[in-house]
Amino acid sequence: MTRCSHQNSVRSVKPQTMGCEECLAIGQAWVHLRLCRECGHVGCCDQSIGKHATAHFRSTGHPIIEGYDPPEGWGWCYVDETMIDLPDHTPQVGPIPQFY
């Protein structure tokens, strides 16, 4: 894994919702979940219709996400477009409902 210039924004966070925040609000399905490691926003991956994790990055500038459903142990920096090592892994608050 690569170090990026944004790893200093990684925080230990508490997931804000039990699934993709935006999908839950509108009753939309998701494929996988991503957790913002700056604020705890839970959004869906780019394979999902809503692509809400990427939308969260675009609206906030929060660069680092964690593969969250199930906890996958990897990080991604949207700005540097690279996988990164995370200092810790966020435990899943669950069970999270599965949507496909």
N, C-alpha and C. Protein backbone atom coordinates (compact mmCIF):
# COMPACT_ATOMS: atom_id res chain seq x y z
N MET A 1 0.84 -1.17 0.00
CA MET A 1 0.00 0.00 0.00
C MET A 1 0.89 1.25 0.00
N THR A 2 0.33 2.32 -0.46
CA THR A 2 1.08 3.56 -0.65
C THR A 2 0.69 4.58 0.42
N ARG A 3 1.64 5.40 0.80
CA ARG A 3 1.32 6.56 1.63
C ARG A 3 0.93 7.68 0.70
N CYS A 4 -0.06 8.44 1.13
CA CYS A 4 -0.46 9.59 0.33
C CYS A 4 -0.33 10.84 1.18
N SER A 5 -0.48 11.96 0.55
CA SER A 5 -0.31 13.23 1.26
C SER A 5 -1.53 13.60 2.10
N HIS A 6 -2.57 12.77 2.10
CA HIS A 6 -3.80 13.09 2.82
C HIS A 6 -4.03 12.20 4.04
N GLN A 7 -3.09 11.32 4.35
CA GLN A 7 -3.30 10.41 5.47
C GLN A 7 -3.44 11.12 6.80
N ASN A 8 -2.98 12.36 6.89
CA ASN A 8 -3.14 13.10 8.14
C ASN A 8 -4.60 13.47 8.42
N SER A 9 -5.49 13.29 7.42
CA SER A 9 -6.91 13.58 7.64
C SER A 9 -7.66 12.38 8.22
N VAL A 10 -7.00 11.21 8.32
CA VAL A 10 -7.65 10.01 8.84
C VAL A 10 -7.91 10.16 10.33
N ARG A 11 -9.15 9.93 10.72
CA ARG A 11 -9.57 10.00 12.12
C ARG A 11 -10.20 8.66 12.50
N SER A 12 -10.22 8.36 13.78
CA SER A 12 -11.05 7.27 14.28
C SER A 12 -12.45 7.84 14.35
N VAL A 13 -13.38 7.21 13.65
CA VAL A 13 -14.74 7.75 13.54
C VAL A 13 -15.76 6.73 13.97
N LYS A 14 -16.94 7.22 14.28
CA LYS A 14 -18.09 6.37 14.56
C LYS A 14 -19.02 6.49 13.35
N PRO A 15 -19.39 5.37 12.72
CA PRO A 15 -20.30 5.43 11.57
C PRO A 15 -21.60 6.14 11.97
N GLN A 16 -22.04 7.06 11.12
CA GLN A 16 -23.23 7.85 11.42
C GLN A 16 -24.53 7.10 11.19
N THR A 17 -24.53 6.07 10.34
CA THR A 17 -25.76 5.34 10.01
C THR A 17 -25.47 3.85 9.87
N MET A 18 -26.54 3.05 9.84
CA MET A 18 -26.45 1.59 9.67
C MET A 18 -26.63 1.21 8.21
N GLY A 19 -25.96 1.89 7.32
CA GLY A 19 -26.06 1.68 5.88
C GLY A 19 -25.79 3.00 5.20
N CYS A 20 -25.90 3.02 3.89
CA CYS A 20 -25.69 4.26 3.15
C CYS A 20 -26.73 5.28 3.57
N GLU A 21 -26.27 6.40 4.08
CA GLU A 21 -27.17 7.44 4.61
C GLU A 21 -28.19 7.89 3.57
N GLU A 22 -27.73 8.19 2.37
CA GLU A 22 -28.62 8.70 1.34
C GLU A 22 -29.55 7.61 0.80
N CYS A 23 -29.03 6.39 0.61
CA CYS A 23 -29.87 5.29 0.12
C CYS A 23 -30.97 4.95 1.13
N LEU A 24 -30.63 4.95 2.41
CA LEU A 24 -31.65 4.68 3.43
C LEU A 24 -32.76 5.73 3.39
N ALA A 25 -32.38 6.97 3.15
CA ALA A 25 -33.37 8.06 3.12
C ALA A 25 -34.35 7.94 1.96
N ILE A 26 -33.89 7.37 0.83
CA ILE A 26 -34.75 7.30 -0.35
C ILE A 26 -35.19 5.87 -0.70
N GLY A 27 -34.80 4.88 0.12
CA GLY A 27 -35.19 3.51 -0.12
C GLY A 27 -34.50 2.87 -1.30
N GLN A 28 -33.28 3.28 -1.56
CA GLN A 28 -32.51 2.77 -2.70
C GLN A 28 -31.54 1.67 -2.24
N ALA A 29 -31.26 0.72 -3.10
CA ALA A 29 -30.34 -0.37 -2.79
C ALA A 29 -28.89 0.05 -2.99
N TRP A 30 -27.98 -0.63 -2.31
CA TRP A 30 -26.55 -0.42 -2.51
C TRP A 30 -25.86 -1.76 -2.66
N VAL A 31 -24.60 -1.73 -3.11
CA VAL A 31 -23.80 -2.95 -3.28
C VAL A 31 -22.83 -3.10 -2.10
N HIS A 32 -21.95 -2.13 -1.90
CA HIS A 32 -20.99 -2.14 -0.78
C HIS A 32 -21.01 -0.76 -0.13
N LEU A 33 -20.51 -0.71 1.10
CA LEU A 33 -20.46 0.55 1.84
C LEU A 33 -19.04 1.04 2.01
N ARG A 34 -18.91 2.35 2.06
CA ARG A 34 -17.64 3.03 2.28
C ARG A 34 -17.82 4.01 3.43
N LEU A 35 -16.83 4.09 4.30
CA LEU A 35 -16.88 4.93 5.48
C LEU A 35 -15.88 6.06 5.35
N CYS A 36 -16.35 7.30 5.47
CA CYS A 36 -15.47 8.46 5.45
C CYS A 36 -14.66 8.47 6.74
N ARG A 37 -13.35 8.45 6.60
CA ARG A 37 -12.50 8.40 7.79
C ARG A 37 -12.18 9.78 8.34
N GLU A 38 -12.88 10.79 7.86
CA GLU A 38 -12.75 12.12 8.45
C GLU A 38 -13.96 12.45 9.32
N CYS A 39 -15.17 12.03 8.89
CA CYS A 39 -16.37 12.44 9.63
C CYS A 39 -17.32 11.29 9.99
N GLY A 40 -17.13 10.09 9.44
CA GLY A 40 -18.01 8.97 9.77
C GLY A 40 -19.20 8.79 8.85
N HIS A 41 -19.29 9.58 7.78
CA HIS A 41 -20.38 9.41 6.82
C HIS A 41 -20.28 8.02 6.19
N VAL A 42 -21.42 7.33 6.08
CA VAL A 42 -21.47 6.03 5.42
C VAL A 42 -22.16 6.23 4.08
N GLY A 43 -21.46 5.88 3.00
CA GLY A 43 -22.01 6.02 1.65
C GLY A 43 -21.81 4.74 0.87
N CYS A 44 -22.50 4.63 -0.24
CA CYS A 44 -22.39 3.43 -1.08
C CYS A 44 -21.27 3.59 -2.09
N CYS A 45 -20.79 2.43 -2.57
CA CYS A 45 -19.65 2.39 -3.50
C CYS A 45 -20.06 2.82 -4.90
N ASP A 46 -19.07 2.91 -5.77
CA ASP A 46 -19.32 3.33 -7.15
C ASP A 46 -19.98 2.25 -8.00
N GLN A 47 -20.10 1.02 -7.50
CA GLN A 47 -20.87 -0.01 -8.18
C GLN A 47 -22.36 0.14 -7.88
N SER A 48 -22.69 0.93 -6.89
CA SER A 48 -24.07 1.18 -6.50
C SER A 48 -24.65 2.30 -7.36
N ILE A 49 -25.95 2.32 -7.50
CA ILE A 49 -26.62 3.33 -8.33
C ILE A 49 -26.27 4.75 -7.86
N GLY A 50 -26.33 4.98 -6.55
CA GLY A 50 -26.16 6.33 -6.03
C GLY A 50 -24.74 6.85 -5.98
N LYS A 51 -23.75 5.97 -5.87
CA LYS A 51 -22.34 6.38 -5.75
C LYS A 51 -22.18 7.46 -4.68
N HIS A 52 -22.84 7.25 -3.54
CA HIS A 52 -22.92 8.30 -2.52
C HIS A 52 -21.61 8.55 -1.78
N ALA A 53 -20.70 7.56 -1.69
CA ALA A 53 -19.41 7.82 -1.05
C ALA A 53 -18.60 8.82 -1.88
N THR A 54 -18.58 8.62 -3.20
CA THR A 54 -17.88 9.56 -4.07
C THR A 54 -18.55 10.93 -4.05
N ALA A 55 -19.88 10.96 -4.03
CA ALA A 55 -20.60 12.23 -3.95
C ALA A 55 -20.24 12.98 -2.66
N HIS A 56 -20.09 12.22 -1.56
CA HIS A 56 -19.70 12.84 -0.29
C HIS A 56 -18.31 13.47 -0.42
N PHE A 57 -17.37 12.75 -1.04
CA PHE A 57 -16.04 13.31 -1.26
C PHE A 57 -16.12 14.60 -2.07
N ARG A 58 -16.89 14.57 -3.16
CA ARG A 58 -16.99 15.75 -4.02
C ARG A 58 -17.60 16.95 -3.31
N SER A 59 -18.55 16.70 -2.40
CA SER A 59 -19.20 17.82 -1.73
C SER A 59 -18.42 18.32 -0.51
N THR A 60 -17.61 17.46 0.11
CA THR A 60 -16.92 17.85 1.34
C THR A 60 -15.41 18.00 1.18
N GLY A 61 -14.84 17.29 0.19
CA GLY A 61 -13.39 17.26 0.06
C GLY A 61 -12.72 16.28 1.01
N HIS A 62 -13.49 15.50 1.77
CA HIS A 62 -12.91 14.50 2.67
C HIS A 62 -12.31 13.37 1.81
N PRO A 63 -10.98 13.21 1.81
CA PRO A 63 -10.34 12.38 0.80
C PRO A 63 -10.27 10.87 1.07
N ILE A 64 -10.36 10.43 2.32
CA ILE A 64 -10.06 9.03 2.64
C ILE A 64 -11.32 8.27 3.05
N ILE A 65 -11.51 7.10 2.41
CA ILE A 65 -12.59 6.20 2.79
C ILE A 65 -12.00 4.86 3.21
N GLU A 66 -12.82 4.10 3.94
CA GLU A 66 -12.48 2.75 4.34
C GLU A 66 -13.53 1.81 3.77
N GLY A 67 -13.11 0.66 3.25
CA GLY A 67 -14.06 -0.36 2.85
C GLY A 67 -14.76 -0.86 4.11
N TYR A 68 -16.08 -0.71 4.19
CA TYR A 68 -16.76 -0.86 5.47
C TYR A 68 -17.74 -2.02 5.57
N ASP A 69 -18.26 -2.55 4.51
CA ASP A 69 -19.32 -3.56 4.64
C ASP A 69 -19.02 -4.80 3.82
N PRO A 70 -18.55 -5.86 4.46
CA PRO A 70 -18.09 -5.90 5.85
C PRO A 70 -16.76 -5.15 5.97
N PRO A 71 -16.29 -4.92 7.20
CA PRO A 71 -14.99 -4.23 7.30
C PRO A 71 -13.95 -4.97 6.46
N GLU A 72 -13.39 -4.26 5.51
CA GLU A 72 -12.50 -4.89 4.53
C GLU A 72 -11.03 -4.61 4.79
N GLY A 73 -10.73 -3.65 5.66
CA GLY A 73 -9.35 -3.42 6.05
C GLY A 73 -8.50 -2.61 5.09
N TRP A 74 -9.11 -1.95 4.12
CA TRP A 74 -8.32 -1.15 3.18
C TRP A 74 -8.83 0.29 3.19
N GLY A 75 -7.97 1.18 2.75
CA GLY A 75 -8.32 2.58 2.61
C GLY A 75 -8.07 3.04 1.19
N TRP A 76 -8.75 4.10 0.79
CA TRP A 76 -8.61 4.68 -0.56
C TRP A 76 -8.59 6.19 -0.43
N CYS A 77 -7.65 6.80 -1.16
CA CYS A 77 -7.60 8.26 -1.23
C CYS A 77 -8.15 8.68 -2.58
N TYR A 78 -9.24 9.43 -2.56
CA TYR A 78 -9.85 9.92 -3.80
C TYR A 78 -8.93 10.90 -4.54
N VAL A 79 -8.21 11.72 -3.80
CA VAL A 79 -7.37 12.74 -4.43
C VAL A 79 -6.18 12.11 -5.15
N ASP A 80 -5.45 11.25 -4.44
CA ASP A 80 -4.27 10.62 -5.02
C ASP A 80 -4.61 9.36 -5.82
N GLU A 81 -5.87 8.93 -5.76
CA GLU A 81 -6.34 7.74 -6.47
C GLU A 81 -5.44 6.54 -6.19
N THR A 82 -5.28 6.24 -4.88
CA THR A 82 -4.42 5.14 -4.48
C THR A 82 -4.95 4.47 -3.22
N MET A 83 -4.68 3.18 -3.09
CA MET A 83 -4.96 2.45 -1.87
C MET A 83 -3.97 2.93 -0.82
N ILE A 84 -4.40 2.97 0.44
CA ILE A 84 -3.51 3.40 1.51
C ILE A 84 -3.64 2.47 2.70
N ASP A 85 -2.59 2.46 3.53
CA ASP A 85 -2.63 1.76 4.80
C ASP A 85 -3.37 2.63 5.80
N LEU A 86 -4.29 2.03 6.54
CA LEU A 86 -4.99 2.76 7.60
C LEU A 86 -4.34 2.44 8.93
N PRO A 87 -4.31 3.40 9.86
CA PRO A 87 -3.69 3.13 11.16
C PRO A 87 -4.51 2.17 12.02
N ASP A 88 -5.80 2.04 11.72
CA ASP A 88 -6.69 1.15 12.45
C ASP A 88 -7.88 0.84 11.55
N HIS A 89 -8.72 -0.06 11.99
CA HIS A 89 -9.90 -0.42 11.21
C HIS A 89 -11.13 -0.18 12.07
N THR A 90 -12.16 0.37 11.47
CA THR A 90 -13.38 0.70 12.18
C THR A 90 -14.23 -0.55 12.36
N PRO A 91 -14.57 -0.90 13.59
CA PRO A 91 -15.44 -2.07 13.78
C PRO A 91 -16.82 -1.79 13.20
N GLN A 92 -17.40 -2.81 12.61
CA GLN A 92 -18.73 -2.66 12.03
C GLN A 92 -19.76 -2.57 13.14
N VAL A 93 -20.61 -1.56 13.05
CA VAL A 93 -21.76 -1.44 13.93
C VAL A 93 -22.86 -2.18 13.19
N GLY A 94 -23.29 -3.26 13.73
CA GLY A 94 -24.20 -4.05 12.92
C GLY A 94 -25.22 -4.80 13.75
N PRO A 95 -25.92 -5.66 13.09
CA PRO A 95 -25.72 -6.02 11.69
C PRO A 95 -26.28 -4.97 10.74
N ILE A 96 -25.57 -4.75 9.66
CA ILE A 96 -26.01 -3.82 8.62
C ILE A 96 -26.85 -4.59 7.64
N PRO A 97 -28.03 -4.08 7.28
CA PRO A 97 -28.86 -4.78 6.29
C PRO A 97 -28.15 -4.84 4.95
N GLN A 98 -28.30 -5.95 4.26
CA GLN A 98 -27.68 -6.13 2.95
C GLN A 98 -28.67 -5.72 1.87
N PHE A 99 -28.20 -4.94 0.91
CA PHE A 99 -29.02 -4.53 -0.23
C PHE A 99 -28.24 -4.78 -1.50
N TYR A 100 -28.88 -5.31 -2.52
CA TYR A 100 -28.21 -5.54 -3.82
C TYR A 100 -29.12 -5.08 -4.92
